[in-house]
Amino acid sequence: DAPYEGLVALDGNLTGELLRQIAHSPLFSKSDLRVAPASPGKADRLLALVGHPSATLYVNLEEASLLCHTDFPSSETAAKGLIARGCKRVLVTDGGSSASEATGEDVITLTPPKVLVTRVTGAGDTFMAAHIASEREGMNRHDALERALFAAATYVSGEIPK
């Protein structure tokens, strides 16, 4: 009778069955679901959330390709492919090349700052956290994507955020 209307960050380490239950549960029908697969090997679990009206998927280019069973040349084509597959909103990263945020309306693609990469583990989590925080602060889609890219670039460079 009172679905949760707040933000829920989901990790792809959850089982496919649990993700299906969340996707179909009336308790989460109005939730702002933000989902990352945790690793390419677990990307297919996110298929349970395709079509959920408020799910946002955060994936890299490899994970997007696995979800759509095709190779994509860029984050933009991957984002469009996921939307065509039935996703309502996606963010696709492609390392230092680009990142794209897509809805059924349009696609925004930006290039991250060039940095010397000293680590990569955790870059996706940093990107997702910065993007969510930016949107919660009221930033528009372009600025939230730009800020998330800056945060991830700072993280992989090993620099201390300013």
C-alpha atoms as a PDB file:
ATOM      1  CA  ASP A   1       0.000   0.000   0.000  1.00  0.00           C
ATOM      2  CA  ALA A   2       2.974   2.330   0.509  1.00  0.00           C
ATOM      3  CA  PRO A   3       5.772   1.610  -1.965  1.00  0.00           C
ATOM      4  CA  TYR A   4       9.195   2.970  -1.058  1.00  0.00           C
ATOM      5  CA  GLU A   5       9.815   6.159  -3.059  1.00  0.00           C
ATOM      6  CA  GLY A   6      13.459   6.781  -2.164  1.00  0.00           C
ATOM      7  CA  LEU A   7      16.740   5.881  -3.788  1.00  0.00           C
ATOM      8  CA  VAL A   8      18.000   2.297  -3.646  1.00  0.00           C
ATOM      9  CA  ALA A   9      21.533   1.382  -4.747  1.00  0.00           C
ATOM     10  CA  LEU A  10      21.693  -2.258  -5.783  1.00  0.00           C
ATOM     11  CA  ASP A  11      24.780  -4.358  -6.362  1.00  0.00           C
ATOM     12  CA  GLY A  12      24.938  -7.046  -9.031  1.00  0.00           C
ATOM     13  CA  ASN A  13      26.278  -9.448  -6.417  1.00  0.00           C
ATOM     14  CA  LEU A  14      22.636 -10.061  -5.506  1.00  0.00           C
ATOM     15  CA  THR A  15      21.241 -13.197  -7.064  1.00  0.00           C
ATOM     16  CA  GLY A  16      19.310 -12.987 -10.297  1.00  0.00           C
ATOM     17  CA  GLU A  17      16.245 -14.277  -8.469  1.00  0.00           C
ATOM     18  CA  LEU A  18      16.450 -11.563  -5.808  1.00  0.00           C
ATOM     19  CA  LEU A  19      16.867  -8.888  -8.493  1.00  0.00           C
ATOM     20  CA  ARG A  20      13.770 -10.293 -10.260  1.00  0.00           C
ATOM     21  CA  GLN A  21      11.807 -10.121  -7.015  1.00  0.00           C
ATOM     22  CA  ILE A  22      12.862  -6.500  -6.507  1.00  0.00           C
ATOM     23  CA  ALA A  23      11.987  -5.626 -10.115  1.00  0.00           C
ATOM     24  CA  HIS A  24       8.484  -7.064  -9.802  1.00  0.00           C
ATOM     25  CA  SER A  25       7.726  -6.127  -6.210  1.00  0.00           C
ATOM     26  CA  PRO A  26       5.106  -3.439  -5.614  1.00  0.00           C
ATOM     27  CA  LEU A  27       7.299  -2.312  -2.701  1.00  0.00           C
ATOM     28  CA  PHE A  28       9.895  -0.987  -5.189  1.00  0.00           C
ATOM     29  CA  SER A  29       7.545   0.138  -7.971  1.00  0.00           C
ATOM     30  CA  LYS A  30       8.187   3.818  -7.175  1.00  0.00           C
ATOM     31  CA  SER A  31      11.798   3.507  -6.019  1.00  0.00           C
ATOM     32  CA  ASP A  32      14.704   5.177  -7.770  1.00  0.00           C
ATOM     33  CA  LEU A  33      16.725   2.007  -8.395  1.00  0.00           C
ATOM     34  CA  ARG A  34      20.423   2.490  -9.233  1.00  0.00           C
ATOM     35  CA  VAL A  35      22.113  -0.737 -10.250  1.00  0.00           C
ATOM     36  CA  ALA A  36      25.662  -1.821 -11.054  1.00  0.00           C
ATOM     37  CA  PRO A  37      26.596  -5.371 -12.040  1.00  0.00           C
ATOM     38  CA  ALA A  38      29.720  -5.667  -9.807  1.00  0.00           C
ATOM     39  CA  SER A  39      31.635  -7.382 -12.644  1.00  0.00           C
ATOM     40  CA  PRO A  40      31.178  -8.389 -16.289  1.00  0.00           C
ATOM     41  CA  GLY A  41      30.537 -11.973 -15.186  1.00  0.00           C
ATOM     42  CA  LYS A  42      27.441 -10.839 -13.307  1.00  0.00           C
ATOM     43  CA  ALA A  43      26.096  -8.387 -15.891  1.00  0.00           C
ATOM     44  CA  ASP A  44      23.388 -10.751 -17.142  1.00  0.00           C
ATOM     45  CA  ARG A  45      21.716 -10.591 -13.716  1.00  0.00           C
ATOM     46  CA  LEU A  46      20.703  -7.019 -14.544  1.00  0.00           C
ATOM     47  CA  LEU A  47      18.373  -8.287 -17.266  1.00  0.00           C
ATOM     48  CA  ALA A  48      15.814  -8.772 -14.486  1.00  0.00           C
ATOM     49  CA  LEU A  49      15.551  -4.978 -14.215  1.00  0.00           C
ATOM     50  CA  VAL A  50      15.175  -4.216 -17.913  1.00  0.00           C
ATOM     51  CA  GLY A  51      11.847  -2.460 -18.292  1.00  0.00           C
ATOM     52  CA  HIS A  52      11.570  -1.351 -14.666  1.00  0.00           C
ATOM     53  CA  PRO A  53      10.214   2.203 -14.927  1.00  0.00           C
ATOM     54  CA  SER A  54      12.733   3.761 -12.548  1.00  0.00           C
ATOM     55  CA  ALA A  55      15.832   1.570 -12.819  1.00  0.00           C
ATOM     56  CA  THR A  56      19.092   3.192 -13.874  1.00  0.00           C
ATOM     57  CA  LEU A  57      21.826   0.781 -14.939  1.00  0.00           C
ATOM     58  CA  TYR A  58      25.495   1.742 -14.510  1.00  0.00           C
ATOM     59  CA  VAL A  59      27.616  -0.477 -16.765  1.00  0.00           C
ATOM     60  CA  ASN A  60      30.865  -0.364 -18.674  1.00  0.00           C
ATOM     61  CA  LEU A  61      31.173  -1.033 -22.405  1.00  0.00           C
ATOM     62  CA  GLU A  62      31.950  -4.726 -21.927  1.00  0.00           C
ATOM     63  CA  GLU A  63      28.951  -5.229 -19.637  1.00  0.00           C
ATOM     64  CA  ALA A  64      26.653  -3.402 -22.066  1.00  0.00           C
ATOM     65  CA  SER A  65      27.875  -5.663 -24.859  1.00  0.00           C
ATOM     66  CA  LEU A  66      27.159  -8.748 -22.751  1.00  0.00           C
ATOM     67  CA  LEU A  67      23.651  -7.525 -21.902  1.00  0.00           C
ATOM     68  CA  CYS A  68      22.843  -6.903 -25.578  1.00  0.00           C
ATOM     69  CA  HIS A  69      24.786  -9.861 -27.022  1.00  0.00           C
ATOM     70  CA  THR A  70      26.662  -7.607 -29.425  1.00  0.00           C
ATOM     71  CA  ASP A  71      29.880  -5.617 -29.531  1.00  0.00           C
ATOM     72  CA  PHE A  72      29.561  -1.857 -29.355  1.00  0.00           C
ATOM     73  CA  PRO A  73      32.216   0.553 -30.638  1.00  0.00           C
ATOM     74  CA  SER A  74      31.432   3.300 -28.117  1.00  0.00           C
ATOM     75  CA  SER A  75      29.575   4.179 -24.945  1.00  0.00           C
ATOM     76  CA  GLU A  76      27.026   6.111 -27.014  1.00  0.00           C
ATOM     77  CA  THR A  77      26.108   3.169 -29.242  1.00  0.00           C
ATOM     78  CA  ALA A  78      26.013   0.901 -26.200  1.00  0.00           C
ATOM     79  CA  ALA A  79      23.698   3.273 -24.347  1.00  0.00           C
ATOM     80  CA  LYS A  80      21.390   3.434 -27.359  1.00  0.00           C
ATOM     81  CA  GLY A  81      21.492  -0.367 -27.613  1.00  0.00           C
ATOM     82  CA  LEU A  82      20.464  -0.809 -23.990  1.00  0.00           C
ATOM     83  CA  ILE A  83      17.606   1.652 -24.390  1.00  0.00           C
ATOM     84  CA  ALA A  84      16.463  -0.247 -27.498  1.00  0.00           C
ATOM     85  CA  ARG A  85      16.597  -3.445 -25.434  1.00  0.00           C
ATOM     86  CA  GLY A  86      14.090  -1.942 -22.985  1.00  0.00           C
ATOM     87  CA  CYS A  87      16.137  -0.155 -20.346  1.00  0.00           C
ATOM     88  CA  LYS A  88      14.613   3.124 -19.210  1.00  0.00           C
ATOM     89  CA  ARG A  89      17.885   4.844 -18.273  1.00  0.00           C
ATOM     90  CA  VAL A  90      21.528   3.809 -18.527  1.00  0.00           C
ATOM     91  CA  LEU A  91      25.003   5.140 -17.941  1.00  0.00           C
ATOM     92  CA  VAL A  92      27.738   3.435 -19.936  1.00  0.00           C
ATOM     93  CA  THR A  93      31.431   4.082 -19.355  1.00  0.00           C
ATOM     94  CA  ASP A  94      34.303   3.271 -21.688  1.00  0.00           C
ATOM     95  CA  GLY A  95      37.403   3.903 -19.599  1.00  0.00           C
ATOM     96  CA  GLY A  96      39.183   7.063 -20.652  1.00  0.00           C
ATOM     97  CA  SER A  97      37.326   7.277 -23.973  1.00  0.00           C
ATOM     98  CA  SER A  98      33.805   8.385 -23.096  1.00  0.00           C
ATOM     99  CA  ALA A  99      30.740   7.945 -20.951  1.00  0.00           C
ATOM    100  CA  SER A 100      27.133   8.216 -22.049  1.00  0.00           C
ATOM    101  CA  GLU A 101      23.895   8.703 -20.175  1.00  0.00           C
ATOM    102  CA  ALA A 102      20.769   7.746 -22.108  1.00  0.00           C
ATOM    103  CA  THR A 103      17.035   7.774 -21.672  1.00  0.00           C
ATOM    104  CA  GLY A 104      14.367   7.104 -24.251  1.00  0.00           C
ATOM    105  CA  GLU A 105      14.565  10.824 -25.078  1.00  0.00           C
ATOM    106  CA  ASP A 106      18.256  11.408 -25.778  1.00  0.00           C
ATOM    107  CA  VAL A 107      21.895  10.554 -25.117  1.00  0.00           C
ATOM    108  CA  ILE A 108      24.540  12.734 -23.474  1.00  0.00           C
ATOM    109  CA  THR A 109      28.145  11.724 -24.176  1.00  0.00           C
ATOM    110  CA  LEU A 110      31.177  13.291 -22.532  1.00  0.00           C
ATOM    111  CA  THR A 111      34.896  12.572 -22.460  1.00  0.00           C
ATOM    112  CA  PRO A 112      36.597  12.198 -19.080  1.00  0.00           C
ATOM    113  CA  PRO A 113      39.638  14.279 -18.162  1.00  0.00           C
ATOM    114  CA  LYS A 114      42.924  12.756 -19.316  1.00  0.00           C
ATOM    115  CA  VAL A 115      44.890  11.439 -16.347  1.00  0.00           C
ATOM    116  CA  LEU A 116      47.715   9.051 -15.605  1.00  0.00           C
ATOM    117  CA  VAL A 117      45.958   5.868 -14.474  1.00  0.00           C
ATOM    118  CA  THR A 118      47.427   4.331 -11.322  1.00  0.00           C
ATOM    119  CA  ARG A 119      44.479   2.108 -10.319  1.00  0.00           C
ATOM    120  CA  VAL A 120      41.185   0.985 -11.829  1.00  0.00           C
ATOM    121  CA  THR A 121      39.487  -1.175  -9.199  1.00  0.00           C
ATOM    122  CA  GLY A 122      36.741   0.949  -7.691  1.00  0.00           C
ATOM    123  CA  ALA A 123      36.472   3.425 -10.571  1.00  0.00           C
ATOM    124  CA  GLY A 124      32.938   2.315 -11.436  1.00  0.00           C
ATOM    125  CA  ASP A 125      31.795   2.575  -7.824  1.00  0.00           C
ATOM    126  CA  THR A 126      33.324   6.054  -7.579  1.00  0.00           C
ATOM    127  CA  PHE A 127      31.616   7.097 -10.816  1.00  0.00           C
ATOM    128  CA  MET A 128      28.233   5.792  -9.659  1.00  0.00           C
ATOM    129  CA  ALA A 129      28.491   7.350  -6.194  1.00  0.00           C
ATOM    130  CA  ALA A 130      29.512  10.743  -7.585  1.00  0.00           C
ATOM    131  CA  HIS A 131      26.715  10.628 -10.162  1.00  0.00           C
ATOM    132  CA  ILE A 132      24.065   9.772  -7.585  1.00  0.00           C
ATOM    133  CA  ALA A 133      25.341  12.436  -5.167  1.00  0.00           C
ATOM    134  CA  SER A 134      25.365  15.027  -7.959  1.00  0.00           C
ATOM    135  CA  GLU A 135      21.781  14.302  -8.926  1.00  0.00           C
ATOM    136  CA  ARG A 136      20.679  14.323  -5.293  1.00  0.00           C
ATOM    137  CA  GLU A 137      22.211  17.803  -5.031  1.00  0.00           C
ATOM    138  CA  GLY A 138      20.036  18.917  -7.954  1.00  0.00           C
ATOM    139  CA  MET A 139      22.561  18.950 -10.776  1.00  0.00           C
ATOM    140  CA  ASN A 140      21.226  18.579 -14.310  1.00  0.00           C
ATOM    141  CA  ARG A 141      22.083  15.455 -16.307  1.00  0.00           C
ATOM    142  CA  HIS A 142      25.045  16.962 -18.163  1.00  0.00           C
ATOM    143  CA  ASP A 143      26.668  18.409 -15.052  1.00  0.00           C
ATOM    144  CA  ALA A 144      26.075  15.242 -13.014  1.00  0.00           C
ATOM    145  CA  LEU A 145      27.760  13.151 -15.714  1.00  0.00           C
ATOM    146  CA  GLU A 146      30.650  15.602 -15.953  1.00  0.00           C
ATOM    147  CA  ARG A 147      31.155  15.592 -12.181  1.00  0.00           C
ATOM    148  CA  ALA A 148      31.034  11.779 -12.042  1.00  0.00           C
ATOM    149  CA  LEU A 149      33.667  11.564 -14.780  1.00  0.00           C
ATOM    150  CA  PHE A 150      35.880  14.029 -12.926  1.00  0.00           C
ATOM    151  CA  ALA A 151      35.516  12.056  -9.686  1.00  0.00           C
ATOM    152  CA  ALA A 152      36.367   8.762 -11.393  1.00  0.00           C
ATOM    153  CA  ALA A 153      39.352  10.326 -13.185  1.00  0.00           C
ATOM    154  CA  THR A 154      40.625  11.760  -9.912  1.00  0.00           C
ATOM    155  CA  TYR A 155      40.218   8.372  -8.267  1.00  0.00           C
ATOM    156  CA  VAL A 156      42.048   6.370 -10.951  1.00  0.00           C
ATOM    157  CA  SER A 157      44.869   8.919 -10.989  1.00  0.00           C
ATOM    158  CA  GLY A 158      45.463   8.384  -7.277  1.00  0.00           C
ATOM    159  CA  GLU A 159      45.073  12.106  -6.641  1.00  0.00           C
ATOM    160  CA  ILE A 160      43.335  13.454  -3.559  1.00  0.00           C
ATOM    161  CA  PRO A 161      39.946  14.986  -4.490  1.00  0.00           C
ATOM    162  CA  LYS A 162      39.667  18.744  -4.088  1.00  0.00           C
END
